[in-house]
Amino acid sequence: MAEETENSSTSLREATAGEASARGTRKTRTGEVISSGMNKTIVVRTVTRVPHAKFGKIVKQMKKFYAHDEENTAKPGDKVRIMETRPMSKLKRWRLVEVVQK
């Protein structure tokens, strides 16, 4: 009977680990901080190069992300890496992972 409980708890742990991996990896982006005026929040601009749908020319697409910066470490002009996270406010859905370059 003790073996049965060990096996069931082992399979339960495996199922939990499987669910975590099935959830998928979180998106990450690299960009430049354009504003850090808010408390614990930074605005990061990312640049993506994609071909134009009709003409095929490579064009830049710029997008702004609001990210959570717990220690207020990032300053404007820094290159940072951000990661997707749970909603933290009306606009913040990203968090600061690291400052890549000052």
N, C-alpha and C. Protein backbone atom coordinates (compact mmCIF):
# COMPACT_ATOMS: atom_id res chain seq x y z
N MET A 1 0.82 -1.19 0.00
CA MET A 1 0.00 0.00 0.00
C MET A 1 0.87 1.26 0.00
N ALA A 2 2.01 1.18 0.69
CA ALA A 2 2.92 2.33 0.71
C ALA A 2 3.49 2.58 -0.67
N GLU A 3 3.71 1.52 -1.44
CA GLU A 3 4.22 1.68 -2.80
C GLU A 3 3.22 2.40 -3.68
N GLU A 4 1.94 2.12 -3.48
CA GLU A 4 0.90 2.75 -4.28
C GLU A 4 0.86 4.27 -4.04
N THR A 5 1.00 4.67 -2.78
CA THR A 5 0.97 6.11 -2.49
C THR A 5 2.20 6.79 -3.05
N GLU A 6 3.36 6.13 -3.01
CA GLU A 6 4.57 6.71 -3.59
C GLU A 6 4.42 6.88 -5.10
N ASN A 7 3.88 5.86 -5.76
CA ASN A 7 3.69 5.94 -7.20
C ASN A 7 2.70 7.02 -7.58
N SER A 8 1.62 7.15 -6.81
CA SER A 8 0.63 8.16 -7.15
C SER A 8 1.18 9.57 -6.93
N SER A 9 1.98 9.76 -5.87
CA SER A 9 2.55 11.08 -5.65
C SER A 9 3.60 11.41 -6.70
N THR A 10 4.35 10.41 -7.17
CA THR A 10 5.34 10.62 -8.22
C THR A 10 4.65 11.02 -9.52
N SER A 11 3.57 10.31 -9.85
CA SER A 11 2.85 10.64 -11.08
C SER A 11 2.20 12.01 -10.98
N LEU A 12 1.77 12.41 -9.77
CA LEU A 12 1.19 13.72 -9.58
C LEU A 12 2.24 14.80 -9.82
N ARG A 13 3.46 14.59 -9.31
CA ARG A 13 4.54 15.55 -9.53
C ARG A 13 4.89 15.65 -11.02
N GLU A 14 4.90 14.53 -11.70
CA GLU A 14 5.21 14.53 -13.13
C GLU A 14 4.13 15.27 -13.91
N ALA A 15 2.87 15.09 -13.53
CA ALA A 15 1.78 15.78 -14.21
C ALA A 15 1.88 17.29 -13.99
N THR A 16 2.24 17.70 -12.78
CA THR A 16 2.38 19.12 -12.49
C THR A 16 3.52 19.72 -13.31
N ALA A 17 4.64 19.01 -13.39
CA ALA A 17 5.77 19.49 -14.18
C ALA A 17 5.39 19.54 -15.65
N GLY A 18 4.63 18.58 -16.12
CA GLY A 18 4.19 18.56 -17.51
C GLY A 18 3.29 19.73 -17.84
N GLU A 19 2.42 20.11 -16.89
CA GLU A 19 1.53 21.25 -17.11
C GLU A 19 2.32 22.54 -17.23
N ALA A 20 3.36 22.66 -16.42
CA ALA A 20 4.17 23.88 -16.47
C ALA A 20 4.88 24.01 -17.81
N SER A 21 5.39 22.90 -18.33
CA SER A 21 6.06 22.96 -19.63
C SER A 21 5.05 23.13 -20.76
N ALA A 22 3.83 22.62 -20.57
CA ALA A 22 2.80 22.76 -21.60
C ALA A 22 2.31 24.20 -21.69
N ARG A 23 2.49 24.97 -20.60
CA ARG A 23 2.04 26.36 -20.60
C ARG A 23 2.79 27.18 -21.63
N GLY A 24 4.03 26.79 -21.89
CA GLY A 24 4.80 27.48 -22.91
C GLY A 24 5.76 28.49 -22.30
N THR A 25 6.71 28.92 -23.12
CA THR A 25 7.67 29.90 -22.65
C THR A 25 7.11 31.29 -22.85
N ARG A 26 7.56 32.21 -22.02
CA ARG A 26 7.07 33.58 -22.11
C ARG A 26 7.86 34.36 -23.14
N LYS A 27 7.19 35.28 -23.80
CA LYS A 27 7.84 36.09 -24.83
C LYS A 27 8.84 37.04 -24.19
N THR A 28 9.93 37.29 -24.88
CA THR A 28 10.89 38.30 -24.44
C THR A 28 11.15 39.26 -25.59
N ARG A 29 11.45 40.48 -25.26
CA ARG A 29 11.76 41.51 -26.24
C ARG A 29 12.98 42.28 -25.76
N THR A 30 13.73 42.82 -26.70
CA THR A 30 14.86 43.69 -26.38
C THR A 30 14.59 45.05 -27.00
N GLY A 31 14.79 46.09 -26.22
CA GLY A 31 14.52 47.42 -26.74
C GLY A 31 15.21 48.50 -25.94
N GLU A 32 14.91 49.74 -26.28
CA GLU A 32 15.54 50.89 -25.64
C GLU A 32 14.53 51.58 -24.73
N VAL A 33 14.98 51.96 -23.54
CA VAL A 33 14.12 52.68 -22.61
C VAL A 33 13.98 54.12 -23.12
N ILE A 34 12.74 54.56 -23.30
CA ILE A 34 12.52 55.93 -23.77
C ILE A 34 11.96 56.82 -22.66
N SER A 35 11.48 56.20 -21.57
CA SER A 35 10.98 56.98 -20.45
C SER A 35 11.05 56.16 -19.17
N SER A 36 11.45 56.83 -18.08
CA SER A 36 11.43 56.16 -16.77
C SER A 36 10.91 57.13 -15.71
N GLY A 37 10.06 58.05 -16.12
CA GLY A 37 9.54 59.07 -15.23
C GLY A 37 8.55 58.56 -14.20
N MET A 38 7.89 57.44 -14.49
CA MET A 38 6.92 56.89 -13.55
C MET A 38 7.63 56.03 -12.51
N ASN A 39 7.01 55.88 -11.36
CA ASN A 39 7.59 55.07 -10.30
C ASN A 39 7.42 53.59 -10.61
N LYS A 40 8.52 52.85 -10.68
CA LYS A 40 8.56 51.40 -10.93
C LYS A 40 8.01 51.02 -12.31
N THR A 41 8.01 51.96 -13.24
CA THR A 41 7.53 51.68 -14.59
C THR A 41 8.48 52.31 -15.60
N ILE A 42 8.77 51.56 -16.66
CA ILE A 42 9.56 52.11 -17.77
C ILE A 42 8.79 51.90 -19.06
N VAL A 43 9.09 52.74 -20.04
CA VAL A 43 8.51 52.58 -21.37
C VAL A 43 9.64 52.15 -22.29
N VAL A 44 9.45 51.01 -22.94
CA VAL A 44 10.49 50.43 -23.79
C VAL A 44 10.01 50.44 -25.23
N ARG A 45 10.87 50.94 -26.14
CA ARG A 45 10.54 50.93 -27.57
C ARG A 45 11.32 49.81 -28.23
N THR A 46 10.60 48.92 -28.90
CA THR A 46 11.25 47.84 -29.64
C THR A 46 11.14 48.12 -31.13
N VAL A 47 12.14 47.70 -31.88
CA VAL A 47 12.15 47.88 -33.32
C VAL A 47 12.20 46.51 -33.97
N THR A 48 11.22 46.22 -34.81
CA THR A 48 11.15 44.96 -35.53
C THR A 48 11.27 45.24 -37.01
N ARG A 49 12.12 44.50 -37.68
CA ARG A 49 12.29 44.68 -39.13
C ARG A 49 11.52 43.58 -39.85
N VAL A 50 10.53 43.98 -40.66
CA VAL A 50 9.69 43.02 -41.38
C VAL A 50 9.55 43.47 -42.84
N PRO A 51 9.35 42.52 -43.74
CA PRO A 51 9.13 42.91 -45.14
C PRO A 51 7.72 43.50 -45.32
N HIS A 52 7.63 44.52 -46.16
CA HIS A 52 6.34 45.13 -46.48
C HIS A 52 5.47 44.10 -47.20
N ALA A 53 4.18 44.08 -46.87
CA ALA A 53 3.29 43.06 -47.41
C ALA A 53 3.19 43.09 -48.93
N LYS A 54 3.15 44.29 -49.53
CA LYS A 54 2.97 44.39 -50.97
C LYS A 54 4.29 44.52 -51.72
N PHE A 55 5.20 45.35 -51.21
CA PHE A 55 6.40 45.68 -51.97
C PHE A 55 7.63 44.87 -51.59
N GLY A 56 7.62 44.24 -50.41
CA GLY A 56 8.75 43.40 -50.03
C GLY A 56 9.93 44.13 -49.41
N LYS A 57 9.91 45.45 -49.41
CA LYS A 57 11.01 46.21 -48.82
C LYS A 57 10.99 46.02 -47.29
N ILE A 58 12.18 45.90 -46.70
CA ILE A 58 12.28 45.76 -45.26
C ILE A 58 11.97 47.10 -44.60
N VAL A 59 10.97 47.11 -43.72
CA VAL A 59 10.59 48.32 -43.01
C VAL A 59 10.68 48.08 -41.50
N LYS A 60 10.88 49.17 -40.75
CA LYS A 60 10.96 49.07 -39.30
C LYS A 60 9.58 49.29 -38.69
N GLN A 61 9.22 48.45 -37.76
CA GLN A 61 7.99 48.65 -36.99
C GLN A 61 8.40 48.93 -35.55
N MET A 62 7.97 50.06 -35.03
CA MET A 62 8.30 50.43 -33.66
C MET A 62 7.06 50.27 -32.79
N LYS A 63 7.26 49.70 -31.61
CA LYS A 63 6.16 49.50 -30.68
C LYS A 63 6.63 49.81 -29.28
N LYS A 64 5.74 50.43 -28.48
CA LYS A 64 6.08 50.77 -27.10
C LYS A 64 5.45 49.76 -26.15
N PHE A 65 6.21 49.36 -25.14
CA PHE A 65 5.73 48.46 -24.10
C PHE A 65 5.95 49.12 -22.75
N TYR A 66 4.97 49.03 -21.87
CA TYR A 66 5.11 49.49 -20.50
C TYR A 66 5.57 48.29 -19.68
N ALA A 67 6.67 48.44 -18.95
CA ALA A 67 7.25 47.32 -18.21
C ALA A 67 7.46 47.69 -16.75
N HIS A 68 7.36 46.70 -15.88
CA HIS A 68 7.55 46.89 -14.44
C HIS A 68 9.04 46.83 -14.12
N ASP A 69 9.54 47.84 -13.43
CA ASP A 69 10.94 47.92 -13.02
C ASP A 69 10.95 48.12 -11.51
N GLU A 70 11.05 47.03 -10.77
CA GLU A 70 10.89 47.06 -9.31
C GLU A 70 11.88 47.99 -8.61
N GLU A 71 13.15 47.98 -9.01
CA GLU A 71 14.17 48.77 -8.33
C GLU A 71 14.46 50.12 -9.01
N ASN A 72 13.72 50.47 -10.03
CA ASN A 72 13.97 51.71 -10.79
C ASN A 72 15.41 51.79 -11.29
N THR A 73 15.91 50.69 -11.85
CA THR A 73 17.31 50.63 -12.28
C THR A 73 17.52 51.16 -13.70
N ALA A 74 16.56 51.01 -14.58
CA ALA A 74 16.73 51.41 -15.98
C ALA A 74 16.50 52.90 -16.15
N LYS A 75 17.33 53.50 -16.97
CA LYS A 75 17.25 54.92 -17.27
C LYS A 75 17.06 55.11 -18.78
N PRO A 76 16.56 56.27 -19.22
CA PRO A 76 16.40 56.49 -20.67
C PRO A 76 17.71 56.31 -21.42
N GLY A 77 17.64 55.61 -22.54
CA GLY A 77 18.81 55.33 -23.35
C GLY A 77 19.40 53.95 -23.11
N ASP A 78 19.03 53.29 -22.00
CA ASP A 78 19.52 51.95 -21.72
C ASP A 78 18.88 50.93 -22.64
N LYS A 79 19.64 49.90 -22.99
CA LYS A 79 19.10 48.78 -23.76
C LYS A 79 18.72 47.70 -22.75
N VAL A 80 17.47 47.24 -22.79
CA VAL A 80 16.97 46.31 -21.78
C VAL A 80 16.28 45.11 -22.41
N ARG A 81 16.15 44.05 -21.62
CA ARG A 81 15.38 42.87 -22.02
C ARG A 81 14.16 42.79 -21.10
N ILE A 82 12.98 42.65 -21.69
CA ILE A 82 11.74 42.55 -20.93
C ILE A 82 11.07 41.22 -21.22
N MET A 83 10.24 40.76 -20.29
CA MET A 83 9.56 39.47 -20.42
C MET A 83 8.07 39.64 -20.11
N GLU A 84 7.27 38.87 -20.79
CA GLU A 84 5.83 38.86 -20.59
C GLU A 84 5.51 38.41 -19.16
N THR A 85 4.48 39.00 -18.55
CA THR A 85 4.07 38.60 -17.21
C THR A 85 2.57 38.85 -17.04
N ARG A 86 2.08 38.60 -15.85
CA ARG A 86 0.65 38.83 -15.58
C ARG A 86 0.34 40.32 -15.66
N PRO A 87 -0.91 40.69 -15.88
CA PRO A 87 -1.24 42.12 -15.90
C PRO A 87 -0.97 42.76 -14.55
N MET A 88 -0.21 43.85 -14.54
CA MET A 88 0.12 44.53 -13.29
C MET A 88 -0.63 45.85 -13.14
N SER A 89 -1.12 46.38 -14.23
CA SER A 89 -1.95 47.58 -14.21
C SER A 89 -2.70 47.64 -15.53
N LYS A 90 -3.28 48.78 -15.81
CA LYS A 90 -4.06 48.93 -17.05
C LYS A 90 -3.19 48.68 -18.29
N LEU A 91 -1.95 49.14 -18.29
CA LEU A 91 -1.09 49.03 -19.46
C LEU A 91 0.09 48.07 -19.28
N LYS A 92 0.49 47.79 -18.05
CA LYS A 92 1.71 46.99 -17.82
C LYS A 92 1.42 45.51 -17.89
N ARG A 93 2.05 44.84 -18.88
CA ARG A 93 1.97 43.39 -19.02
C ARG A 93 3.36 42.79 -19.19
N TRP A 94 4.40 43.56 -18.95
CA TRP A 94 5.79 43.13 -19.13
C TRP A 94 6.58 43.49 -17.89
N ARG A 95 7.70 42.82 -17.67
CA ARG A 95 8.59 43.15 -16.56
C ARG A 95 10.02 43.17 -17.03
N LEU A 96 10.83 43.95 -16.36
CA LEU A 96 12.25 44.08 -16.70
C LEU A 96 12.99 42.83 -16.25
N VAL A 97 13.75 42.23 -17.18
CA VAL A 97 14.57 41.07 -16.86
C VAL A 97 15.98 41.51 -16.52
N GLU A 98 16.58 42.31 -17.43
CA GLU A 98 17.94 42.79 -17.20
C GLU A 98 18.22 44.02 -18.03
N VAL A 99 19.20 44.79 -17.56
CA VAL A 99 19.70 45.92 -18.34
C VAL A 99 20.88 45.38 -19.13
N VAL A 100 20.75 45.32 -20.44
CA VAL A 100 21.77 44.74 -21.30
C VAL A 100 22.95 45.69 -21.45
N GLN A 101 22.66 46.96 -21.68
CA GLN A 101 23.72 47.95 -21.94
C GLN A 101 23.29 49.30 -21.38
N LYS A 102 24.18 49.93 -20.65
CA LYS A 102 23.87 51.27 -20.10
C LYS A 102 24.19 52.34 -21.12
